Amino acid sequence: MSEDRKVLKGFWKYLKRSNFLKKKKSDNKKQDMEKSDSQTADIPKLTVVFDLDSTLIYTTPKQMFPGQHFLPTYKHYTAIRPYCDTVLKNLRPICNLMVFSLGRRQYVQEVVTLIDPNKEYFDKVLSRHNCTKVLNLYSKDLRQTGADLKRTVLIDDRMQSFMSQ
């Protein structure tokens, strides 16, 4: 078992022991049916929603270092963050994974195809089209995910993403 997997399992055991996770019926039936192998039957999987830019990837107009992929539609170069694949592989069995980006739909799909070419990781991919405009800024309304918000975590580097919460 990899070191990352051991850490995740240990963290999960800690959460269960510390009563952080309470047995509770979910409002989301789909999430109820998708239980994790490492969880008890009464606790639905967490949903982890990732932002793309500056979270899972780094995109620049010019190639800055080897390993960047060229995105022909946007004429930009993008690099997948180190250990992105490891994190997604380790979270996938115990969490529902989604992407929610302020990027345009075509850009988001292009980047998600780089990260997840076999469509193994992400249950749902949302883009700017799914965002809410608040005070002329786009905000990510997590209700758009369809997941139980009490069991949803957003990993994002921009504060404006949280305005709808």
C-alpha atoms as a PDB file:
ATOM      1  CA  MET A   1       0.000   0.000   0.000  1.00  0.00           C
ATOM      2  CA  SER A   2       1.411   3.412  -0.961  1.00  0.00           C
ATOM      3  CA  GLU A   3       2.298   5.972   1.679  1.00  0.00           C
ATOM      4  CA  ASP A   4      -0.411   8.363   0.392  1.00  0.00           C
ATOM      5  CA  ARG A   5      -3.062   5.647   0.691  1.00  0.00           C
ATOM      6  CA  LYS A   6      -1.965   4.873   4.278  1.00  0.00           C
ATOM      7  CA  VAL A   7      -2.227   8.551   5.205  1.00  0.00           C
ATOM      8  CA  LEU A   8      -5.728   8.833   3.697  1.00  0.00           C
ATOM      9  CA  LYS A   9      -6.923   5.690   5.487  1.00  0.00           C
ATOM     10  CA  GLY A  10      -5.468   6.954   8.775  1.00  0.00           C
ATOM     11  CA  PHE A  11      -7.143  10.329   8.306  1.00  0.00           C
ATOM     12  CA  TRP A  12     -10.477   8.649   7.561  1.00  0.00           C
ATOM     13  CA  LYS A  13     -10.196   6.502  10.740  1.00  0.00           C
ATOM     14  CA  TYR A  14      -9.405   9.630  12.759  1.00  0.00           C
ATOM     15  CA  LEU A  15     -12.487  11.416  11.399  1.00  0.00           C
ATOM     16  CA  LYS A  16     -14.721   8.467  12.267  1.00  0.00           C
ATOM     17  CA  ARG A  17     -13.238   8.137  15.779  1.00  0.00           C
ATOM     18  CA  SER A  18     -13.449  11.857  16.526  1.00  0.00           C
ATOM     19  CA  ASN A  19     -17.209  11.812  15.836  1.00  0.00           C
ATOM     20  CA  PHE A  20     -16.618  14.354  13.059  1.00  0.00           C
ATOM     21  CA  LEU A  21     -18.736  12.187  10.803  1.00  0.00           C
ATOM     22  CA  LYS A  22     -22.204  11.616  12.196  1.00  0.00           C
ATOM     23  CA  LYS A  23     -24.488   8.936  10.879  1.00  0.00           C
ATOM     24  CA  LYS A  24     -27.169  10.825   9.091  1.00  0.00           C
ATOM     25  CA  LYS A  25     -29.454  10.213   6.145  1.00  0.00           C
ATOM     26  CA  SER A  26     -28.401  12.137   3.062  1.00  0.00           C
ATOM     27  CA  ASP A  27     -30.752  14.387   1.113  1.00  0.00           C
ATOM     28  CA  ASN A  28     -29.146  13.125  -2.068  1.00  0.00           C
ATOM     29  CA  LYS A  29     -30.290   9.621  -3.072  1.00  0.00           C
ATOM     30  CA  LYS A  30     -27.509   9.138  -5.633  1.00  0.00           C
ATOM     31  CA  GLN A  31     -24.912   9.834  -2.960  1.00  0.00           C
ATOM     32  CA  ASP A  32     -26.626   7.371  -0.605  1.00  0.00           C
ATOM     33  CA  MET A  33     -26.280   4.593  -3.163  1.00  0.00           C
ATOM     34  CA  GLU A  34     -22.599   5.296  -3.864  1.00  0.00           C
ATOM     35  CA  LYS A  35     -21.038   4.191  -0.591  1.00  0.00           C
ATOM     36  CA  SER A  36     -17.300   3.913  -0.189  1.00  0.00           C
ATOM     37  CA  ASP A  37     -15.770   0.500   0.460  1.00  0.00           C
ATOM     38  CA  SER A  38     -13.837   1.977   3.376  1.00  0.00           C
ATOM     39  CA  GLN A  39     -16.922   3.463   5.052  1.00  0.00           C
ATOM     40  CA  THR A  40     -19.758   1.964   6.992  1.00  0.00           C
ATOM     41  CA  ALA A  41     -22.982   1.466   5.059  1.00  0.00           C
ATOM     42  CA  ASP A  42     -24.616   4.382   6.907  1.00  0.00           C
ATOM     43  CA  ILE A  43     -22.149   7.080   5.841  1.00  0.00           C
ATOM     44  CA  PRO A  44     -22.287   8.325   2.232  1.00  0.00           C
ATOM     45  CA  LYS A  45     -19.127   9.303   0.394  1.00  0.00           C
ATOM     46  CA  LEU A  46     -17.819  12.827   0.677  1.00  0.00           C
ATOM     47  CA  THR A  47     -17.982  14.878  -2.509  1.00  0.00           C
ATOM     48  CA  VAL A  48     -14.780  16.751  -3.303  1.00  0.00           C
ATOM     49  CA  VAL A  49     -15.156  19.552  -5.847  1.00  0.00           C
ATOM     50  CA  PHE A  50     -11.893  20.763  -7.397  1.00  0.00           C
ATOM     51  CA  ASP A  51     -11.203  24.028  -9.158  1.00  0.00           C
ATOM     52  CA  LEU A  52      -8.899  23.697 -12.191  1.00  0.00           C
ATOM     53  CA  ASP A  53      -6.669  26.753 -12.670  1.00  0.00           C
ATOM     54  CA  SER A  54      -3.974  27.118 -10.003  1.00  0.00           C
ATOM     55  CA  THR A  55      -5.432  24.102  -8.175  1.00  0.00           C
ATOM     56  CA  LEU A  56      -5.117  20.997 -10.373  1.00  0.00           C
ATOM     57  CA  ILE A  57      -3.295  22.725 -13.246  1.00  0.00           C
ATOM     58  CA  TYR A  58      -1.195  25.770 -14.081  1.00  0.00           C
ATOM     59  CA  THR A  59      -1.792  27.510 -17.448  1.00  0.00           C
ATOM     60  CA  THR A  60       0.360  30.153 -19.151  1.00  0.00           C
ATOM     61  CA  PRO A  61       0.227  31.942 -22.526  1.00  0.00           C
ATOM     62  CA  LYS A  62       3.836  30.922 -23.294  1.00  0.00           C
ATOM     63  CA  GLN A  63       5.614  27.663 -22.618  1.00  0.00           C
ATOM     64  CA  MET A  64       7.594  28.196 -19.426  1.00  0.00           C
ATOM     65  CA  PHE A  65       8.914  24.707 -18.729  1.00  0.00           C
ATOM     66  CA  PRO A  66       9.027  21.228 -20.272  1.00  0.00           C
ATOM     67  CA  GLY A  67       6.014  19.021 -19.753  1.00  0.00           C
ATOM     68  CA  GLN A  68       3.408  21.690 -20.467  1.00  0.00           C
ATOM     69  CA  HIS A  69       0.671  20.627 -22.877  1.00  0.00           C
ATOM     70  CA  PHE A  70      -0.414  22.971 -25.664  1.00  0.00           C
ATOM     71  CA  LEU A  71      -4.147  23.734 -25.760  1.00  0.00           C
ATOM     72  CA  PRO A  72      -4.835  24.560 -29.423  1.00  0.00           C
ATOM     73  CA  THR A  73      -8.271  26.098 -28.831  1.00  0.00           C
ATOM     74  CA  TYR A  74      -6.906  28.725 -26.440  1.00  0.00           C
ATOM     75  CA  LYS A  75      -3.284  28.850 -27.622  1.00  0.00           C
ATOM     76  CA  HIS A  76      -2.063  28.401 -24.047  1.00  0.00           C
ATOM     77  CA  TYR A  77       0.189  25.896 -22.331  1.00  0.00           C
ATOM     78  CA  THR A  78      -0.937  23.978 -19.293  1.00  0.00           C
ATOM     79  CA  ALA A  79       0.851  21.787 -16.787  1.00  0.00           C
ATOM     80  CA  ILE A  80      -0.827  19.295 -14.506  1.00  0.00           C
ATOM     81  CA  ARG A  81       0.248  19.906 -10.917  1.00  0.00           C
ATOM     82  CA  PRO A  82       2.698  17.429  -9.385  1.00  0.00           C
ATOM     83  CA  TYR A  83       0.950  14.514  -7.650  1.00  0.00           C
ATOM     84  CA  CYS A  84      -2.444  15.458  -9.124  1.00  0.00           C
ATOM     85  CA  ASP A  85      -2.887  11.934 -10.471  1.00  0.00           C
ATOM     86  CA  THR A  86      -1.838  10.408  -7.135  1.00  0.00           C
ATOM     87  CA  VAL A  87      -4.334  12.532  -5.193  1.00  0.00           C
ATOM     88  CA  LEU A  88      -7.191  11.714  -7.579  1.00  0.00           C
ATOM     89  CA  LYS A  89      -6.359   7.975  -7.595  1.00  0.00           C
ATOM     90  CA  ASN A  90      -6.333   7.863  -3.800  1.00  0.00           C
ATOM     91  CA  LEU A  91      -9.491   9.917  -3.307  1.00  0.00           C
ATOM     92  CA  ARG A  92     -11.548   8.195  -6.009  1.00  0.00           C
ATOM     93  CA  PRO A  93     -12.401   5.035  -4.024  1.00  0.00           C
ATOM     94  CA  ILE A  94     -13.526   7.007  -0.969  1.00  0.00           C
ATOM     95  CA  CYS A  95     -15.003  10.205  -2.491  1.00  0.00           C
ATOM     96  CA  ASN A  96     -17.176  11.429  -5.334  1.00  0.00           C
ATOM     97  CA  LEU A  97     -14.967  13.768  -7.385  1.00  0.00           C
ATOM     98  CA  MET A  98     -16.070  16.746  -9.465  1.00  0.00           C
ATOM     99  CA  VAL A  99     -14.532  19.711 -11.279  1.00  0.00           C
ATOM    100  CA  PHE A 100     -16.086  23.168 -11.056  1.00  0.00           C
ATOM    101  CA  SER A 101     -14.211  25.873 -12.970  1.00  0.00           C
ATOM    102  CA  LEU A 102     -14.838  29.481 -13.928  1.00  0.00           C
ATOM    103  CA  GLY A 103     -13.371  28.613 -17.335  1.00  0.00           C
ATOM    104  CA  ARG A 104     -15.454  28.301 -20.468  1.00  0.00           C
ATOM    105  CA  ARG A 105     -16.959  24.879 -21.181  1.00  0.00           C
ATOM    106  CA  GLN A 106     -14.662  23.976 -24.108  1.00  0.00           C
ATOM    107  CA  TYR A 107     -11.509  24.957 -22.187  1.00  0.00           C
ATOM    108  CA  VAL A 108     -12.613  22.996 -19.118  1.00  0.00           C
ATOM    109  CA  GLN A 109     -13.379  19.891 -21.203  1.00  0.00           C
ATOM    110  CA  GLU A 110      -9.992  20.144 -22.949  1.00  0.00           C
ATOM    111  CA  VAL A 111      -8.138  20.371 -19.634  1.00  0.00           C
ATOM    112  CA  VAL A 112     -10.173  17.620 -17.945  1.00  0.00           C
ATOM    113  CA  THR A 113      -9.311  15.343 -20.888  1.00  0.00           C
ATOM    114  CA  LEU A 114      -5.607  15.960 -20.146  1.00  0.00           C
ATOM    115  CA  ILE A 115      -6.041  15.163 -16.448  1.00  0.00           C
ATOM    116  CA  ASP A 116      -8.483  12.278 -16.852  1.00  0.00           C
ATOM    117  CA  PRO A 117      -8.161  10.854 -20.393  1.00  0.00           C
ATOM    118  CA  ASN A 118      -9.907   7.581 -19.458  1.00  0.00           C
ATOM    119  CA  LYS A 119     -12.754   9.324 -17.584  1.00  0.00           C
ATOM    120  CA  GLU A 120     -11.984   7.405 -14.390  1.00  0.00           C
ATOM    121  CA  TYR A 121     -12.018  10.187 -11.812  1.00  0.00           C
ATOM    122  CA  PHE A 122     -14.699  12.828 -12.225  1.00  0.00           C
ATOM    123  CA  ASP A 123     -18.420  12.200 -11.749  1.00  0.00           C
ATOM    124  CA  LYS A 124     -19.356  15.650 -12.995  1.00  0.00           C
ATOM    125  CA  VAL A 125     -17.607  18.568 -14.722  1.00  0.00           C
ATOM    126  CA  LEU A 126     -19.036  22.073 -14.367  1.00  0.00           C
ATOM    127  CA  SER A 127     -17.862  25.292 -16.012  1.00  0.00           C
ATOM    128  CA  ARG A 128     -18.646  29.012 -16.159  1.00  0.00           C
ATOM    129  CA  HIS A 129     -21.981  28.121 -17.760  1.00  0.00           C
ATOM    130  CA  ASN A 130     -22.993  26.630 -14.368  1.00  0.00           C
ATOM    131  CA  CYS A 131     -21.784  29.607 -12.296  1.00  0.00           C
ATOM    132  CA  THR A 132     -23.903  32.303 -10.679  1.00  0.00           C
ATOM    133  CA  LYS A 133     -23.178  35.983 -11.252  1.00  0.00           C
ATOM    134  CA  VAL A 134     -22.980  37.946  -7.991  1.00  0.00           C
ATOM    135  CA  LEU A 135     -22.038  41.654  -8.126  1.00  0.00           C
ATOM    136  CA  ASN A 136     -20.614  41.185 -11.663  1.00  0.00           C
ATOM    137  CA  LEU A 137     -18.393  38.333 -10.481  1.00  0.00           C
ATOM    138  CA  TYR A 138     -18.872  34.658 -11.224  1.00  0.00           C
ATOM    139  CA  SER A 139     -19.410  32.463  -8.185  1.00  0.00           C
ATOM    140  CA  LYS A 140     -19.633  28.691  -7.869  1.00  0.00           C
ATOM    141  CA  ASP A 141     -22.960  27.692  -6.379  1.00  0.00           C
ATOM    142  CA  LEU A 142     -22.325  24.186  -5.058  1.00  0.00           C
ATOM    143  CA  ARG A 143     -26.028  23.374  -5.343  1.00  0.00           C
ATOM    144  CA  GLN A 144     -25.254  22.976  -9.069  1.00  0.00           C
ATOM    145  CA  THR A 145     -23.316  19.796  -8.219  1.00  0.00           C
ATOM    146  CA  GLY A 146     -26.453  17.992  -7.036  1.00  0.00           C
ATOM    147  CA  ALA A 147     -24.491  16.656  -4.052  1.00  0.00           C
ATOM    148  CA  ASP A 148     -25.444  16.830  -0.381  1.00  0.00           C
ATOM    149  CA  LEU A 149     -23.853  20.140   0.658  1.00  0.00           C
ATOM    150  CA  LYS A 150     -23.265  18.877   4.192  1.00  0.00           C
ATOM    151  CA  ARG A 151     -20.911  16.268   2.710  1.00  0.00           C
ATOM    152  CA  THR A 152     -19.266  18.472   0.060  1.00  0.00           C
ATOM    153  CA  VAL A 153     -15.817  20.088   0.118  1.00  0.00           C
ATOM    154  CA  LEU A 154     -14.683  22.750  -2.385  1.00  0.00           C
ATOM    155  CA  ILE A 155     -10.944  22.985  -3.053  1.00  0.00           C
ATOM    156  CA  ASP A 156     -10.362  26.343  -4.718  1.00  0.00           C
ATOM    157  CA  ASP A 157      -7.761  29.120  -4.547  1.00  0.00           C
ATOM    158  CA  ARG A 158     -10.137  32.049  -5.191  1.00  0.00           C
ATOM    159  CA  MET A 159     -12.307  33.616  -2.489  1.00  0.00           C
ATOM    160  CA  GLN A 160     -14.916  34.811  -5.011  1.00  0.00           C
ATOM    161  CA  SER A 161     -15.780  31.167  -5.644  1.00  0.00           C
ATOM    162  CA  PHE A 162     -17.345  30.929  -2.183  1.00  0.00           C
ATOM    163  CA  MET A 163     -19.713  33.924  -2.477  1.00  0.00           C
ATOM    164  CA  SER A 164     -22.784  31.760  -3.151  1.00  0.00           C
ATOM    165  CA  GLN A 165     -22.245  29.535  -0.125  1.00  0.00           C
END
